[in-house]
Amino acid sequence: MRTLTIEVADRGTANSRFLSAMAGERQGEFLSFPSLDLLHKVLSPRRVRILQELQRLGPIGLRTLARELGVDAGNLTRDLKQLREFGLVVETGQGLAVPYDEIRLEVVIRKVA
């Protein structure tokens, strides 16, 4: 099963994961954002809904997806462009799809010591 974890992580955490991966330790697949604001900008509620529908429907054409979502295909194209840039949506022979079996959103809020 292919799982993507989307998280808010500082540069130190991302660098540490990178170094561990370079040493041969499996890290899993992560998409890290430096701030919650940026994560929300990229993964707006509308874009999360697009991902949910793609997961529910499987590979699907743009116009069919727009119809399922009840949105204009032109507006959907802009959102899909962003999702593609982050590797969250791909185009397959059967249509648009999410390349992950599961996407997890992880936000950790820690108490300052």
N, C-alpha and C. Protein backbone atom coordinates (compact mmCIF):
# COMPACT_ATOMS: atom_id res chain seq x y z
N MET A 1 0.84 -1.17 0.00
CA MET A 1 0.00 0.00 0.00
C MET A 1 0.89 1.24 0.00
N ARG A 2 0.58 2.17 -0.87
CA ARG A 2 1.36 3.40 -0.99
C ARG A 2 0.67 4.51 -0.19
N THR A 3 1.38 5.02 0.82
CA THR A 3 0.82 6.05 1.70
C THR A 3 1.68 7.30 1.65
N LEU A 4 1.03 8.45 1.53
CA LEU A 4 1.70 9.74 1.57
C LEU A 4 1.30 10.42 2.87
N THR A 5 2.29 10.94 3.60
CA THR A 5 2.02 11.74 4.78
C THR A 5 2.31 13.19 4.45
N ILE A 6 1.31 14.03 4.61
CA ILE A 6 1.46 15.47 4.41
C ILE A 6 1.58 16.08 5.79
N GLU A 7 2.60 16.90 5.97
CA GLU A 7 2.88 17.41 7.31
C GLU A 7 3.38 18.84 7.28
N VAL A 8 3.34 19.45 8.45
CA VAL A 8 4.03 20.71 8.68
C VAL A 8 5.30 20.34 9.43
N ALA A 9 6.44 20.67 8.84
CA ALA A 9 7.72 20.29 9.46
C ALA A 9 8.74 21.39 9.21
N ASP A 10 9.55 21.64 10.22
CA ASP A 10 10.61 22.63 10.04
C ASP A 10 11.73 22.04 9.20
N ARG A 11 12.62 22.88 8.76
CA ARG A 11 13.71 22.45 7.89
C ARG A 11 14.58 21.39 8.57
N GLY A 12 14.77 21.50 9.85
CA GLY A 12 15.60 20.52 10.57
C GLY A 12 15.01 19.11 10.49
N THR A 13 13.70 19.01 10.65
CA THR A 13 13.04 17.71 10.57
C THR A 13 13.15 17.14 9.17
N ALA A 14 12.91 17.96 8.17
CA ALA A 14 13.01 17.51 6.78
C ALA A 14 14.44 17.10 6.44
N ASN A 15 15.42 17.88 6.88
CA ASN A 15 16.82 17.55 6.62
C ASN A 15 17.23 16.25 7.30
N SER A 16 16.76 16.06 8.52
CA SER A 16 17.08 14.84 9.25
C SER A 16 16.51 13.62 8.53
N ARG A 17 15.28 13.73 8.05
CA ARG A 17 14.66 12.63 7.30
C ARG A 17 15.45 12.37 6.02
N PHE A 18 15.87 13.43 5.35
CA PHE A 18 16.65 13.29 4.12
C PHE A 18 17.96 12.56 4.38
N LEU A 19 18.67 12.96 5.42
CA LEU A 19 19.95 12.33 5.74
C LEU A 19 19.77 10.85 6.10
N SER A 20 18.71 10.55 6.82
CA SER A 20 18.43 9.15 7.16
C SER A 20 18.14 8.33 5.91
N ALA A 21 17.41 8.94 4.99
CA ALA A 21 17.11 8.25 3.72
C ALA A 21 18.39 8.01 2.93
N MET A 22 19.28 9.00 2.92
CA MET A 22 20.54 8.85 2.20
C MET A 22 21.41 7.75 2.83
N ALA A 23 21.19 7.50 4.12
CA ALA A 23 21.93 6.43 4.80
C ALA A 23 21.27 5.08 4.59
N GLY A 24 20.19 5.05 3.81
CA GLY A 24 19.54 3.79 3.48
C GLY A 24 18.35 3.44 4.35
N GLU A 25 17.97 4.32 5.26
CA GLU A 25 16.82 4.05 6.13
C GLU A 25 15.53 4.46 5.42
N ARG A 26 14.58 3.54 5.35
CA ARG A 26 13.30 3.83 4.69
C ARG A 26 12.54 4.88 5.51
N GLN A 27 12.09 5.92 4.84
CA GLN A 27 11.39 7.01 5.50
C GLN A 27 9.91 7.07 5.18
N GLY A 28 9.49 6.39 4.14
CA GLY A 28 8.12 6.55 3.68
C GLY A 28 8.07 7.75 2.76
N GLU A 29 6.87 8.11 2.32
CA GLU A 29 6.71 9.23 1.42
C GLU A 29 6.08 10.39 2.17
N PHE A 30 6.74 11.54 2.09
CA PHE A 30 6.29 12.72 2.82
C PHE A 30 6.21 13.91 1.88
N LEU A 31 5.26 14.78 2.15
CA LEU A 31 5.17 16.09 1.54
C LEU A 31 5.13 17.06 2.70
N SER A 32 6.20 17.83 2.87
CA SER A 32 6.34 18.70 4.03
C SER A 32 6.18 20.16 3.66
N PHE A 33 5.47 20.88 4.49
CA PHE A 33 5.28 22.32 4.34
C PHE A 33 5.90 23.02 5.54
N PRO A 34 6.51 24.19 5.32
CA PRO A 34 7.14 24.89 6.43
C PRO A 34 6.16 25.57 7.37
N SER A 35 4.92 25.75 6.93
CA SER A 35 3.93 26.41 7.79
C SER A 35 2.54 25.87 7.51
N LEU A 36 1.69 25.98 8.50
CA LEU A 36 0.30 25.56 8.35
C LEU A 36 -0.41 26.45 7.33
N ASP A 37 -0.05 27.72 7.28
CA ASP A 37 -0.66 28.63 6.31
C ASP A 37 -0.40 28.17 4.88
N LEU A 38 0.83 27.77 4.59
CA LEU A 38 1.15 27.31 3.23
C LEU A 38 0.45 25.99 2.92
N LEU A 39 0.40 25.10 3.89
CA LEU A 39 -0.32 23.84 3.70
C LEU A 39 -1.78 24.12 3.35
N HIS A 40 -2.42 25.03 4.08
CA HIS A 40 -3.81 25.38 3.80
C HIS A 40 -3.99 26.05 2.45
N LYS A 41 -2.99 26.79 2.02
CA LYS A 41 -3.07 27.45 0.71
C LYS A 41 -3.05 26.40 -0.41
N VAL A 42 -2.17 25.42 -0.28
CA VAL A 42 -2.05 24.38 -1.29
C VAL A 42 -3.21 23.39 -1.19
N LEU A 43 -3.55 23.00 0.02
CA LEU A 43 -4.62 22.02 0.24
C LEU A 43 -5.86 22.71 0.80
N SER A 44 -6.45 23.55 0.00
CA SER A 44 -7.69 24.22 0.40
C SER A 44 -8.79 23.18 0.55
N PRO A 45 -9.87 23.50 1.24
CA PRO A 45 -10.98 22.54 1.35
C PRO A 45 -11.47 22.05 -0.01
N ARG A 46 -11.49 22.92 -1.01
CA ARG A 46 -11.93 22.52 -2.34
C ARG A 46 -10.97 21.48 -2.93
N ARG A 47 -9.68 21.67 -2.75
CA ARG A 47 -8.70 20.72 -3.30
C ARG A 47 -8.73 19.39 -2.54
N VAL A 48 -8.96 19.44 -1.25
CA VAL A 48 -9.11 18.20 -0.49
C VAL A 48 -10.33 17.43 -1.01
N ARG A 49 -11.39 18.15 -1.31
CA ARG A 49 -12.59 17.50 -1.86
C ARG A 49 -12.29 16.85 -3.21
N ILE A 50 -11.50 17.51 -4.03
CA ILE A 50 -11.09 16.94 -5.32
C ILE A 50 -10.35 15.62 -5.08
N LEU A 51 -9.40 15.62 -4.15
CA LEU A 51 -8.66 14.39 -3.85
C LEU A 51 -9.59 13.29 -3.34
N GLN A 52 -10.53 13.66 -2.49
CA GLN A 52 -11.48 12.68 -1.96
C GLN A 52 -12.31 12.06 -3.09
N GLU A 53 -12.77 12.89 -4.01
CA GLU A 53 -13.57 12.38 -5.12
C GLU A 53 -12.75 11.50 -6.05
N LEU A 54 -11.52 11.90 -6.31
CA LEU A 54 -10.65 11.07 -7.15
C LEU A 54 -10.40 9.72 -6.49
N GLN A 55 -10.22 9.71 -5.19
CA GLN A 55 -10.01 8.43 -4.49
C GLN A 55 -11.28 7.58 -4.54
N ARG A 56 -12.42 8.23 -4.42
CA ARG A 56 -13.71 7.50 -4.44
C ARG A 56 -14.01 6.94 -5.83
N LEU A 57 -13.77 7.75 -6.86
CA LEU A 57 -14.17 7.39 -8.22
C LEU A 57 -13.12 6.61 -9.00
N GLY A 58 -11.85 6.73 -8.60
CA GLY A 58 -10.78 6.11 -9.38
C GLY A 58 -10.45 6.99 -10.57
N PRO A 59 -9.62 6.52 -11.49
CA PRO A 59 -9.24 7.33 -12.64
C PRO A 59 -10.49 7.82 -13.39
N ILE A 60 -10.48 9.11 -13.73
CA ILE A 60 -11.67 9.73 -14.31
C ILE A 60 -11.26 10.91 -15.18
N GLY A 61 -12.04 11.20 -16.17
CA GLY A 61 -11.79 12.35 -17.05
C GLY A 61 -12.13 13.66 -16.38
N LEU A 62 -11.54 14.72 -16.88
CA LEU A 62 -11.73 16.06 -16.32
C LEU A 62 -13.20 16.48 -16.30
N ARG A 63 -13.88 16.36 -17.42
CA ARG A 63 -15.27 16.81 -17.49
C ARG A 63 -16.19 15.99 -16.58
N THR A 64 -15.93 14.71 -16.50
CA THR A 64 -16.73 13.85 -15.61
C THR A 64 -16.48 14.24 -14.16
N LEU A 65 -15.23 14.49 -13.82
CA LEU A 65 -14.91 14.91 -12.46
C LEU A 65 -15.57 16.25 -12.14
N ALA A 66 -15.51 17.19 -13.07
CA ALA A 66 -16.16 18.49 -12.87
C ALA A 66 -17.66 18.31 -12.63
N ARG A 67 -18.27 17.43 -13.40
CA ARG A 67 -19.71 17.17 -13.25
C ARG A 67 -19.99 16.55 -11.88
N GLU A 68 -19.17 15.59 -11.47
CA GLU A 68 -19.35 14.95 -10.16
C GLU A 68 -19.22 15.96 -9.01
N LEU A 69 -18.30 16.90 -9.17
CA LEU A 69 -18.06 17.91 -8.14
C LEU A 69 -19.04 19.08 -8.23
N GLY A 70 -19.70 19.21 -9.38
CA GLY A 70 -20.60 20.34 -9.58
C GLY A 70 -19.87 21.66 -9.74
N VAL A 71 -18.70 21.61 -10.42
CA VAL A 71 -17.89 22.81 -10.61
C VAL A 71 -17.59 23.00 -12.10
N ASP A 72 -17.16 24.20 -12.43
CA ASP A 72 -16.76 24.54 -13.79
C ASP A 72 -15.42 23.87 -14.11
N ALA A 73 -15.30 23.28 -15.30
CA ALA A 73 -14.07 22.58 -15.69
C ALA A 73 -12.87 23.51 -15.70
N GLY A 74 -13.06 24.80 -16.07
CA GLY A 74 -11.95 25.76 -16.08
C GLY A 74 -11.38 26.00 -14.69
N ASN A 75 -12.26 26.18 -13.71
CA ASN A 75 -11.79 26.35 -12.33
C ASN A 75 -11.13 25.09 -11.81
N LEU A 76 -11.69 23.95 -12.17
CA LEU A 76 -11.13 22.68 -11.74
C LEU A 76 -9.72 22.49 -12.31
N THR A 77 -9.52 22.93 -13.54
CA THR A 77 -8.21 22.81 -14.19
C THR A 77 -7.14 23.54 -13.38
N ARG A 78 -7.47 24.72 -12.86
CA ARG A 78 -6.50 25.48 -12.05
C ARG A 78 -6.13 24.73 -10.77
N ASP A 79 -7.14 24.17 -10.12
CA ASP A 79 -6.86 23.40 -8.90
C ASP A 79 -6.04 22.16 -9.21
N LEU A 80 -6.38 21.48 -10.29
CA LEU A 80 -5.64 20.27 -10.66
C LEU A 80 -4.19 20.58 -11.00
N LYS A 81 -3.95 21.74 -11.59
CA LYS A 81 -2.57 22.14 -11.90
C LYS A 81 -1.74 22.19 -10.62
N GLN A 82 -2.28 22.82 -9.58
CA GLN A 82 -1.58 22.89 -8.29
C GLN A 82 -1.37 21.50 -7.71
N LEU A 83 -2.40 20.68 -7.73
CA LEU A 83 -2.29 19.34 -7.17
C LEU A 83 -1.28 18.49 -7.94
N ARG A 84 -1.19 18.69 -9.25
CA ARG A 84 -0.19 17.98 -10.06
C ARG A 84 1.22 18.43 -9.70
N GLU A 85 1.39 19.74 -9.51
CA GLU A 85 2.73 20.27 -9.17
C GLU A 85 3.28 19.65 -7.90
N PHE A 86 2.40 19.28 -6.98
CA PHE A 86 2.84 18.67 -5.72
C PHE A 86 2.78 17.14 -5.77
N GLY A 87 2.49 16.59 -6.95
CA GLY A 87 2.48 15.14 -7.12
C GLY A 87 1.27 14.44 -6.52
N LEU A 88 0.22 15.21 -6.22
CA LEU A 88 -0.96 14.63 -5.60
C LEU A 88 -1.96 14.09 -6.61
N VAL A 89 -1.85 14.54 -7.85
CA VAL A 89 -2.70 14.06 -8.93
C VAL A 89 -1.81 13.77 -10.13
N VAL A 90 -2.10 12.68 -10.81
CA VAL A 90 -1.37 12.31 -12.03
C VAL A 90 -2.39 11.99 -13.12
N GLU A 91 -1.91 12.03 -14.34
CA GLU A 91 -2.74 11.64 -15.48
C GLU A 91 -2.32 10.23 -15.89
N THR A 92 -3.29 9.33 -15.93
CA THR A 92 -3.03 7.96 -16.35
C THR A 92 -3.72 7.72 -17.68
N GLY A 93 -3.56 6.55 -18.24
CA GLY A 93 -4.25 6.21 -19.47
C GLY A 93 -5.76 6.23 -19.33
N GLN A 94 -6.25 6.04 -18.11
CA GLN A 94 -7.70 6.03 -17.86
C GLN A 94 -8.24 7.39 -17.40
N GLY A 95 -7.36 8.35 -17.12
CA GLY A 95 -7.81 9.66 -16.66
C GLY A 95 -7.01 10.16 -15.48
N LEU A 96 -7.57 11.12 -14.77
CA LEU A 96 -6.92 11.71 -13.60
C LEU A 96 -7.03 10.75 -12.42
N ALA A 97 -5.97 10.70 -11.62
CA ALA A 97 -5.95 9.79 -10.48
C ALA A 97 -5.02 10.32 -9.39
N VAL A 98 -5.21 9.82 -8.19
CA VAL A 98 -4.30 10.07 -7.07
C VAL A 98 -3.36 8.88 -7.02
N PRO A 99 -2.04 9.11 -7.03
CA PRO A 99 -1.10 7.99 -7.09
C PRO A 99 -0.84 7.29 -5.75
N TYR A 100 -1.66 7.57 -4.76
CA TYR A 100 -1.49 6.98 -3.43
C TYR A 100 -2.76 6.23 -3.02
N ASP A 101 -2.58 5.15 -2.28
CA ASP A 101 -3.72 4.43 -1.74
C ASP A 101 -4.32 5.20 -0.57
N GLU A 102 -3.46 5.93 0.12
CA GLU A 102 -3.90 6.66 1.31
C GLU A 102 -3.08 7.93 1.45
N ILE A 103 -3.74 9.00 1.84
CA ILE A 103 -3.05 10.25 2.13
C ILE A 103 -3.39 10.60 3.57
N ARG A 104 -2.35 10.83 4.36
CA ARG A 104 -2.53 11.21 5.77
C ARG A 104 -2.08 12.65 5.95
N LEU A 105 -2.84 13.38 6.71
CA LEU A 105 -2.50 14.76 7.04
C LEU A 105 -2.10 14.79 8.49
N GLU A 106 -0.87 15.22 8.74
CA GLU A 106 -0.34 15.19 10.09
C GLU A 106 0.05 16.60 10.53
N VAL A 107 -0.60 17.06 11.58
CA VAL A 107 -0.28 18.36 12.18
C VAL A 107 -0.01 18.10 13.65
N VAL A 108 1.20 18.38 14.08
CA VAL A 108 1.59 18.16 15.47
C VAL A 108 1.74 19.52 16.15
N ILE A 109 1.09 19.67 17.28
CA ILE A 109 1.23 20.90 18.07
C ILE A 109 1.84 20.47 19.40
N ARG A 110 3.07 20.88 19.63
CA ARG A 110 3.79 20.47 20.83
C ARG A 110 3.85 21.59 21.86
N LYS A 111 3.87 21.20 23.07
CA LYS A 111 4.02 22.12 24.18
C LYS A 111 5.50 22.52 24.23
N VAL A 112 5.77 23.80 24.40
CA VAL A 112 7.15 24.27 24.50
C VAL A 112 7.68 23.89 25.88
N ALA A 113 8.88 23.32 25.91
CA ALA A 113 9.47 22.85 27.17
C ALA A 113 9.92 24.01 28.03
